[in-house]
């Protein structure tokens, strides 16, 4: 286990100090807001242009940038894979594997290959990685890379839904856009975890429970729907 993840929230109140408590309240509020939004997400347009197919390259690029942010299930997983990569020897390669696999999943959808159970697979990936964040034992990097890449296929397959039928330039710019967004968010999460982890032991577990709850909402919707 990496040193900056050692300890627990209960045993580190003294190190937090009074100034840390407002921060934890903000984290709790953020998790609650994310859960509330996740319940409303199916009613929102899952696309930066309200479901319209991008016609020009800049529309494709903006749509790609926005898509991982509009889909809260996607966003939760990207944050999770960034957090769980912190401290790993392959910490930059693990989210990169997810991003590249997402491109592969998009290609499968465009090629007309049915991946099957996409929404279920996406929701399950969020739950699994949330639970991995909760546990104290560190998972080996190659395992995270393997399962992160597998999850990337499902996420990328879903990303393709809004670009089917677009021309070559909007398609390529869309792929660039969502790749930038995904890897950028993962890196911010990773670096944030490495910086704040030593200052707030137990924060990773809090984030893990929040992500697990978000994934559980989407998993329930996928099963019921």
C-alpha atoms as a PDB file:
ATOM      1  CA  UNK A   1       0.000   0.000   0.000  1.00  0.00           C
ATOM      2  CA  UNK A   2       1.325   3.448  -0.818  1.00  0.00           C
ATOM      3  CA  UNK A   3       2.267   5.517   2.224  1.00  0.00           C
ATOM      4  CA  UNK A   4      -0.086   8.375   1.368  1.00  0.00           C
ATOM      5  CA  UNK A   5      -3.109   6.084   1.604  1.00  0.00           C
ATOM      6  CA  UNK A   6      -2.214   4.682   5.017  1.00  0.00           C
ATOM      7  CA  UNK A   7      -4.338   5.449   8.027  1.00  0.00           C
ATOM      8  CA  UNK A   8      -8.049   5.970   8.422  1.00  0.00           C
ATOM      9  CA  UNK A   9     -10.347   8.953   8.785  1.00  0.00           C
ATOM     10  CA  UNK A  10     -11.262   7.952  12.335  1.00  0.00           C
ATOM     11  CA  UNK A  11      -7.649   7.708  13.436  1.00  0.00           C
ATOM     12  CA  UNK A  12      -6.456  10.931  11.885  1.00  0.00           C
ATOM     13  CA  UNK A  13      -8.785  13.580  13.289  1.00  0.00           C
ATOM     14  CA  UNK A  14      -5.914  15.293  15.001  1.00  0.00           C
ATOM     15  CA  UNK A  15      -3.962  15.691  11.772  1.00  0.00           C
ATOM     16  CA  UNK A  16      -6.986  17.039   9.953  1.00  0.00           C
ATOM     17  CA  UNK A  17      -7.517  19.857  12.388  1.00  0.00           C
ATOM     18  CA  UNK A  18     -10.525  22.084  12.539  1.00  0.00           C
ATOM     19  CA  UNK A  19      -9.797  23.551   9.091  1.00  0.00           C
ATOM     20  CA  UNK A  20     -10.280  20.136   7.439  1.00  0.00           C
ATOM     21  CA  UNK A  21     -13.867  19.625   8.595  1.00  0.00           C
ATOM     22  CA  UNK A  22     -15.426  22.201   6.248  1.00  0.00           C
ATOM     23  CA  UNK A  23     -13.587  20.498   3.392  1.00  0.00           C
ATOM     24  CA  UNK A  24     -15.110  17.126   4.268  1.00  0.00           C
ATOM     25  CA  UNK A  25     -18.542  18.737   4.370  1.00  0.00           C
ATOM     26  CA  UNK A  26     -17.965  20.076   0.878  1.00  0.00           C
ATOM     27  CA  UNK A  27     -16.966  16.582  -0.284  1.00  0.00           C
ATOM     28  CA  UNK A  28     -20.162  15.151   1.200  1.00  0.00           C
ATOM     29  CA  UNK A  29     -22.238  17.855  -0.457  1.00  0.00           C
ATOM     30  CA  UNK A  30     -20.540  17.168  -3.779  1.00  0.00           C
ATOM     31  CA  UNK A  31     -21.216  13.439  -3.546  1.00  0.00           C
ATOM     32  CA  UNK A  32     -24.846  14.096  -2.653  1.00  0.00           C
ATOM     33  CA  UNK A  33     -25.251  16.462  -5.580  1.00  0.00           C
ATOM     34  CA  UNK A  34     -23.693  13.923  -7.924  1.00  0.00           C
ATOM     35  CA  UNK A  35     -26.114  11.273  -6.701  1.00  0.00           C
ATOM     36  CA  UNK A  36     -29.083  13.584  -7.211  1.00  0.00           C
ATOM     37  CA  UNK A  37     -27.939  14.482 -10.704  1.00  0.00           C
ATOM     38  CA  UNK A  38     -27.380  10.826 -11.545  1.00  0.00           C
ATOM     39  CA  UNK A  39     -31.071  10.197 -10.934  1.00  0.00           C
ATOM     40  CA  UNK A  40     -31.974  12.981 -13.350  1.00  0.00           C
ATOM     41  CA  UNK A  41     -29.355  12.118 -15.967  1.00  0.00           C
ATOM     42  CA  UNK A  42     -31.626   9.934 -18.157  1.00  0.00           C
ATOM     43  CA  UNK A  43     -33.872  12.951 -18.715  1.00  0.00           C
ATOM     44  CA  UNK A  44     -31.022  15.067 -20.030  1.00  0.00           C
ATOM     45  CA  UNK A  45     -29.865  15.078 -23.637  1.00  0.00           C
ATOM     46  CA  UNK A  46     -26.833  12.780 -23.721  1.00  0.00           C
ATOM     47  CA  UNK A  47     -25.143  15.052 -26.211  1.00  0.00           C
ATOM     48  CA  UNK A  48     -23.694  18.546 -26.355  1.00  0.00           C
ATOM     49  CA  UNK A  49     -26.051  19.542 -29.202  1.00  0.00           C
ATOM     50  CA  UNK A  50     -29.269  18.010 -27.906  1.00  0.00           C
ATOM     51  CA  UNK A  51     -28.997  14.809 -29.916  1.00  0.00           C
ATOM     52  CA  UNK A  52     -28.168  16.410 -33.253  1.00  0.00           C
ATOM     53  CA  UNK A  53     -25.402  14.763 -35.287  1.00  0.00           C
ATOM     54  CA  UNK A  54     -22.341  17.066 -35.607  1.00  0.00           C
ATOM     55  CA  UNK A  55     -22.070  18.473 -39.113  1.00  0.00           C
ATOM     56  CA  UNK A  56     -18.669  20.171 -39.032  1.00  0.00           C
ATOM     57  CA  UNK A  57     -15.384  19.448 -37.292  1.00  0.00           C
ATOM     58  CA  UNK A  58     -15.777  21.969 -34.448  1.00  0.00           C
ATOM     59  CA  UNK A  59     -19.191  20.562 -33.545  1.00  0.00           C
ATOM     60  CA  UNK A  60     -17.675  17.104 -33.383  1.00  0.00           C
ATOM     61  CA  UNK A  61     -14.824  18.370 -31.239  1.00  0.00           C
ATOM     62  CA  UNK A  62     -17.103  20.180 -28.773  1.00  0.00           C
ATOM     63  CA  UNK A  63     -19.397  17.173 -28.609  1.00  0.00           C
ATOM     64  CA  UNK A  64     -16.428  14.948 -27.809  1.00  0.00           C
ATOM     65  CA  UNK A  65     -15.218  17.319 -25.109  1.00  0.00           C
ATOM     66  CA  UNK A  66     -18.655  17.459 -23.492  1.00  0.00           C
ATOM     67  CA  UNK A  67     -19.813  13.866 -23.721  1.00  0.00           C
ATOM     68  CA  UNK A  68     -17.846  12.385 -20.790  1.00  0.00           C
ATOM     69  CA  UNK A  69     -19.013  15.344 -18.676  1.00  0.00           C
ATOM     70  CA  UNK A  70     -22.690  15.041 -19.626  1.00  0.00           C
ATOM     71  CA  UNK A  71     -22.752  11.333 -18.834  1.00  0.00           C
ATOM     72  CA  UNK A  72     -22.343  11.161 -15.049  1.00  0.00           C
ATOM     73  CA  UNK A  73     -21.732   7.417 -15.159  1.00  0.00           C
ATOM     74  CA  UNK A  74     -18.812   8.014 -17.527  1.00  0.00           C
ATOM     75  CA  UNK A  75     -17.525  10.905 -15.425  1.00  0.00           C
ATOM     76  CA  UNK A  76     -17.659   8.859 -12.208  1.00  0.00           C
ATOM     77  CA  UNK A  77     -15.609   6.066 -13.789  1.00  0.00           C
ATOM     78  CA  UNK A  78     -12.994   8.424 -15.227  1.00  0.00           C
ATOM     79  CA  UNK A  79     -12.522   9.990 -11.796  1.00  0.00           C
ATOM     80  CA  UNK A  80     -12.337   6.522 -10.242  1.00  0.00           C
ATOM     81  CA  UNK A  81      -9.652   5.253 -12.603  1.00  0.00           C
ATOM     82  CA  UNK A  82      -7.626   8.380 -11.981  1.00  0.00           C
ATOM     83  CA  UNK A  83      -7.887   8.024  -8.211  1.00  0.00           C
ATOM     84  CA  UNK A  84      -7.063   4.328  -8.201  1.00  0.00           C
ATOM     85  CA  UNK A  85      -4.031   4.875 -10.449  1.00  0.00           C
ATOM     86  CA  UNK A  86      -2.394   7.159  -7.871  1.00  0.00           C
ATOM     87  CA  UNK A  87       0.740   5.614  -6.431  1.00  0.00           C
ATOM     88  CA  UNK A  88       0.903   2.854  -9.031  1.00  0.00           C
ATOM     89  CA  UNK A  89       4.050   2.227 -11.070  1.00  0.00           C
ATOM     90  CA  UNK A  90       1.861   2.396 -14.178  1.00  0.00           C
ATOM     91  CA  UNK A  91      -0.152   5.350 -12.925  1.00  0.00           C
ATOM     92  CA  UNK A  92      -0.170   7.175 -16.275  1.00  0.00           C
ATOM     93  CA  UNK A  93      -0.550   4.010 -18.315  1.00  0.00           C
ATOM     94  CA  UNK A  94      -3.673   2.729 -16.543  1.00  0.00           C
ATOM     95  CA  UNK A  95      -5.949   5.637 -17.578  1.00  0.00           C
ATOM     96  CA  UNK A  96      -4.229   5.686 -20.977  1.00  0.00           C
ATOM     97  CA  UNK A  97      -5.232   2.053 -21.489  1.00  0.00           C
ATOM     98  CA  UNK A  98      -8.819   2.986 -20.682  1.00  0.00           C
ATOM     99  CA  UNK A  99      -8.773   5.893 -23.141  1.00  0.00           C
ATOM    100  CA  UNK A 100      -7.304   3.825 -25.974  1.00  0.00           C
ATOM    101  CA  UNK A 101      -9.769   1.016 -25.325  1.00  0.00           C
ATOM    102  CA  UNK A 102     -12.592   3.569 -25.444  1.00  0.00           C
ATOM    103  CA  UNK A 103     -11.454   4.490 -28.951  1.00  0.00           C
ATOM    104  CA  UNK A 104     -11.610   0.793 -29.795  1.00  0.00           C
ATOM    105  CA  UNK A 105     -15.136   0.536 -28.396  1.00  0.00           C
ATOM    106  CA  UNK A 106     -16.234   3.491 -30.508  1.00  0.00           C
ATOM    107  CA  UNK A 107     -14.727   1.829 -33.570  1.00  0.00           C
ATOM    108  CA  UNK A 108     -16.660  -1.371 -32.824  1.00  0.00           C
ATOM    109  CA  UNK A 109     -19.948   0.532 -32.694  1.00  0.00           C
ATOM    110  CA  UNK A 110     -19.225   2.444 -35.909  1.00  0.00           C
ATOM    111  CA  UNK A 111     -18.308  -0.849 -37.601  1.00  0.00           C
ATOM    112  CA  UNK A 112     -21.718  -2.242 -36.623  1.00  0.00           C
ATOM    113  CA  UNK A 113     -20.379  -4.823 -34.166  1.00  0.00           C
ATOM    114  CA  UNK A 114     -22.808  -5.336 -31.273  1.00  0.00           C
ATOM    115  CA  UNK A 115     -21.016  -5.347 -27.937  1.00  0.00           C
ATOM    116  CA  UNK A 116     -24.188  -6.099 -25.969  1.00  0.00           C
ATOM    117  CA  UNK A 117     -25.274  -5.081 -22.453  1.00  0.00           C
ATOM    118  CA  UNK A 118     -23.478  -1.769 -22.819  1.00  0.00           C
ATOM    119  CA  UNK A 119     -25.286   0.230 -20.135  1.00  0.00           C
ATOM    120  CA  UNK A 120     -25.051  -2.684 -17.732  1.00  0.00           C
ATOM    121  CA  UNK A 121     -21.327  -3.019 -18.374  1.00  0.00           C
ATOM    122  CA  UNK A 122     -20.742   0.716 -17.863  1.00  0.00           C
ATOM    123  CA  UNK A 123     -22.685   0.830 -14.596  1.00  0.00           C
ATOM    124  CA  UNK A 124     -20.993  -2.334 -13.323  1.00  0.00           C
ATOM    125  CA  UNK A 125     -17.563  -0.863 -14.082  1.00  0.00           C
ATOM    126  CA  UNK A 126     -18.368   2.209 -11.985  1.00  0.00           C
ATOM    127  CA  UNK A 127     -19.489   0.050  -9.057  1.00  0.00           C
ATOM    128  CA  UNK A 128     -16.461  -2.260  -9.270  1.00  0.00           C
ATOM    129  CA  UNK A 129     -13.895   0.538  -9.393  1.00  0.00           C
ATOM    130  CA  UNK A 130     -15.702   2.386  -6.626  1.00  0.00           C
ATOM    131  CA  UNK A 131     -15.440  -0.706  -4.422  1.00  0.00           C
ATOM    132  CA  UNK A 132     -11.770  -1.109  -5.325  1.00  0.00           C
ATOM    133  CA  UNK A 133     -11.202   2.418  -4.028  1.00  0.00           C
ATOM    134  CA  UNK A 134     -12.922   1.552  -0.762  1.00  0.00           C
ATOM    135  CA  UNK A 135     -10.719  -1.419   0.102  1.00  0.00           C
ATOM    136  CA  UNK A 136      -7.392  -0.813   1.832  1.00  0.00           C
ATOM    137  CA  UNK A 137      -5.423  -3.420  -0.091  1.00  0.00           C
ATOM    138  CA  UNK A 138      -3.763  -2.051  -3.220  1.00  0.00           C
ATOM    139  CA  UNK A 139      -4.624  -3.799  -6.487  1.00  0.00           C
ATOM    140  CA  UNK A 140      -1.758  -4.616  -8.843  1.00  0.00           C
ATOM    141  CA  UNK A 141      -1.277  -2.246 -11.732  1.00  0.00           C
ATOM    142  CA  UNK A 142      -1.637  -4.846 -14.471  1.00  0.00           C
ATOM    143  CA  UNK A 143      -5.013  -5.903 -13.065  1.00  0.00           C
ATOM    144  CA  UNK A 144      -6.237  -2.301 -13.110  1.00  0.00           C
ATOM    145  CA  UNK A 145      -4.928  -1.861 -16.642  1.00  0.00           C
ATOM    146  CA  UNK A 146      -6.720  -5.014 -17.812  1.00  0.00           C
ATOM    147  CA  UNK A 147     -10.084  -4.251 -16.229  1.00  0.00           C
ATOM    148  CA  UNK A 148      -9.823  -0.540 -16.992  1.00  0.00           C
ATOM    149  CA  UNK A 149      -9.263  -1.328 -20.658  1.00  0.00           C
ATOM    150  CA  UNK A 150     -12.182  -3.754 -20.676  1.00  0.00           C
ATOM    151  CA  UNK A 151     -14.391  -1.044 -19.173  1.00  0.00           C
ATOM    152  CA  UNK A 152     -13.099   1.351 -21.821  1.00  0.00           C
ATOM    153  CA  UNK A 153     -14.613  -0.794 -24.559  1.00  0.00           C
ATOM    154  CA  UNK A 154     -18.096  -0.369 -23.055  1.00  0.00           C
ATOM    155  CA  UNK A 155     -17.701   3.343 -22.396  1.00  0.00           C
ATOM    156  CA  UNK A 156     -16.344   3.969 -25.883  1.00  0.00           C
ATOM    157  CA  UNK A 157     -19.123   1.919 -27.437  1.00  0.00           C
ATOM    158  CA  UNK A 158     -21.657   4.182 -25.742  1.00  0.00           C
ATOM    159  CA  UNK A 159     -19.796   7.328 -26.852  1.00  0.00           C
ATOM    160  CA  UNK A 160     -20.325   6.338 -30.482  1.00  0.00           C
ATOM    161  CA  UNK A 161     -24.106   6.597 -30.243  1.00  0.00           C
ATOM    162  CA  UNK A 162     -24.086  10.345 -30.835  1.00  0.00           C
ATOM    163  CA  UNK A 163     -21.659  10.301 -33.759  1.00  0.00           C
ATOM    164  CA  UNK A 164     -23.157   7.536 -35.928  1.00  0.00           C
ATOM    165  CA  UNK A 165     -23.888   9.012 -39.350  1.00  0.00           C
ATOM    166  CA  UNK A 166     -21.464  11.936 -39.061  1.00  0.00           C
ATOM    167  CA  UNK A 167     -18.870  12.736 -41.698  1.00  0.00           C
ATOM    168  CA  UNK A 168     -15.190  11.899 -41.411  1.00  0.00           C
ATOM    169  CA  UNK A 169     -13.972  15.236 -40.020  1.00  0.00           C
ATOM    170  CA  UNK A 170     -16.672  15.564 -37.311  1.00  0.00           C
ATOM    171  CA  UNK A 171     -16.005  11.935 -36.385  1.00  0.00           C
ATOM    172  CA  UNK A 172     -12.250  12.381 -36.055  1.00  0.00           C
ATOM    173  CA  UNK A 173     -12.586  15.620 -34.095  1.00  0.00           C
ATOM    174  CA  UNK A 174     -15.147  13.936 -31.826  1.00  0.00           C
ATOM    175  CA  UNK A 175     -12.680  11.148 -31.056  1.00  0.00           C
ATOM    176  CA  UNK A 176      -9.971  13.703 -30.282  1.00  0.00           C
ATOM    177  CA  UNK A 177     -12.330  15.694 -28.079  1.00  0.00           C
ATOM    178  CA  UNK A 178     -13.505  12.887 -25.836  1.00  0.00           C
ATOM    179  CA  UNK A 179      -9.996  11.458 -25.608  1.00  0.00           C
ATOM    180  CA  UNK A 180      -8.649  14.792 -24.348  1.00  0.00           C
ATOM    181  CA  UNK A 181     -11.459  15.149 -21.822  1.00  0.00           C
ATOM    182  CA  UNK A 182     -11.153  11.616 -20.469  1.00  0.00           C
ATOM    183  CA  UNK A 183      -7.402  11.599 -20.046  1.00  0.00           C
ATOM    184  CA  UNK A 184      -7.393  15.146 -18.683  1.00  0.00           C
ATOM    185  CA  UNK A 185      -9.962  14.348 -15.983  1.00  0.00           C
ATOM    186  CA  UNK A 186      -8.151  11.122 -15.091  1.00  0.00           C
ATOM    187  CA  UNK A 187      -4.840  12.961 -14.718  1.00  0.00           C
ATOM    188  CA  UNK A 188      -6.392  15.701 -12.575  1.00  0.00           C
ATOM    189  CA  UNK A 189      -7.926  13.025 -10.344  1.00  0.00           C
ATOM    190  CA  UNK A 190      -4.639  11.115 -10.179  1.00  0.00           C
ATOM    191  CA  UNK A 191      -2.518  14.141  -9.308  1.00  0.00           C
ATOM    192  CA  UNK A 192      -5.134  15.397  -6.884  1.00  0.00           C
ATOM    193  CA  UNK A 193      -5.144  12.043  -5.114  1.00  0.00           C
ATOM    194  CA  UNK A 194      -1.369  12.029  -4.805  1.00  0.00           C
ATOM    195  CA  UNK A 195      -1.343  15.580  -3.443  1.00  0.00           C
ATOM    196  CA  UNK A 196      -4.342  15.434  -1.102  1.00  0.00           C
ATOM    197  CA  UNK A 197      -4.008  11.792  -0.078  1.00  0.00           C
ATOM    198  CA  UNK A 198      -1.219  12.454   2.399  1.00  0.00           C
ATOM    199  CA  UNK A 199      -3.125  15.392   3.857  1.00  0.00           C
ATOM    200  CA  UNK A 200      -6.499  13.641   4.130  1.00  0.00           C
ATOM    201  CA  UNK A 201      -6.053   9.935   4.897  1.00  0.00           C
ATOM    202  CA  UNK A 202      -9.332   8.180   4.229  1.00  0.00           C
ATOM    203  CA  UNK A 203     -10.407  10.609   1.490  1.00  0.00           C
ATOM    204  CA  UNK A 204      -9.920   7.919  -1.158  1.00  0.00           C
ATOM    205  CA  UNK A 205     -12.368   5.674   0.713  1.00  0.00           C
ATOM    206  CA  UNK A 206     -14.929   8.455   0.928  1.00  0.00           C
ATOM    207  CA  UNK A 207     -14.627   9.030  -2.807  1.00  0.00           C
ATOM    208  CA  UNK A 208     -14.904   5.288  -3.414  1.00  0.00           C
ATOM    209  CA  UNK A 209     -18.179   5.030  -1.531  1.00  0.00           C
ATOM    210  CA  UNK A 210     -19.577   8.020  -3.407  1.00  0.00           C
ATOM    211  CA  UNK A 211     -18.603   6.549  -6.772  1.00  0.00           C
ATOM    212  CA  UNK A 212     -20.031   3.168  -5.759  1.00  0.00           C
ATOM    213  CA  UNK A 213     -23.363   4.785  -4.903  1.00  0.00           C
ATOM    214  CA  UNK A 214     -23.455   6.629  -8.218  1.00  0.00           C
ATOM    215  CA  UNK A 215     -22.699   3.397 -10.070  1.00  0.00           C
ATOM    216  CA  UNK A 216     -25.377   1.583  -8.090  1.00  0.00           C
ATOM    217  CA  UNK A 217     -28.006   4.089  -9.217  1.00  0.00           C
ATOM    218  CA  UNK A 218     -27.084   3.562 -12.869  1.00  0.00           C
ATOM    219  CA  UNK A 219     -26.824  -0.189 -12.380  1.00  0.00           C
ATOM    220  CA  UNK A 220     -30.335  -0.266 -10.960  1.00  0.00           C
ATOM    221  CA  UNK A 221     -31.637   1.804 -13.870  1.00  0.00           C
ATOM    222  CA  UNK A 222     -29.885  -0.506 -16.353  1.00  0.00           C
ATOM    223  CA  UNK A 223     -31.377  -3.624 -14.776  1.00  0.00           C
ATOM    224  CA  UNK A 224     -34.875  -2.201 -14.384  1.00  0.00           C
ATOM    225  CA  UNK A 225     -34.852  -0.565 -17.795  1.00  0.00           C
END
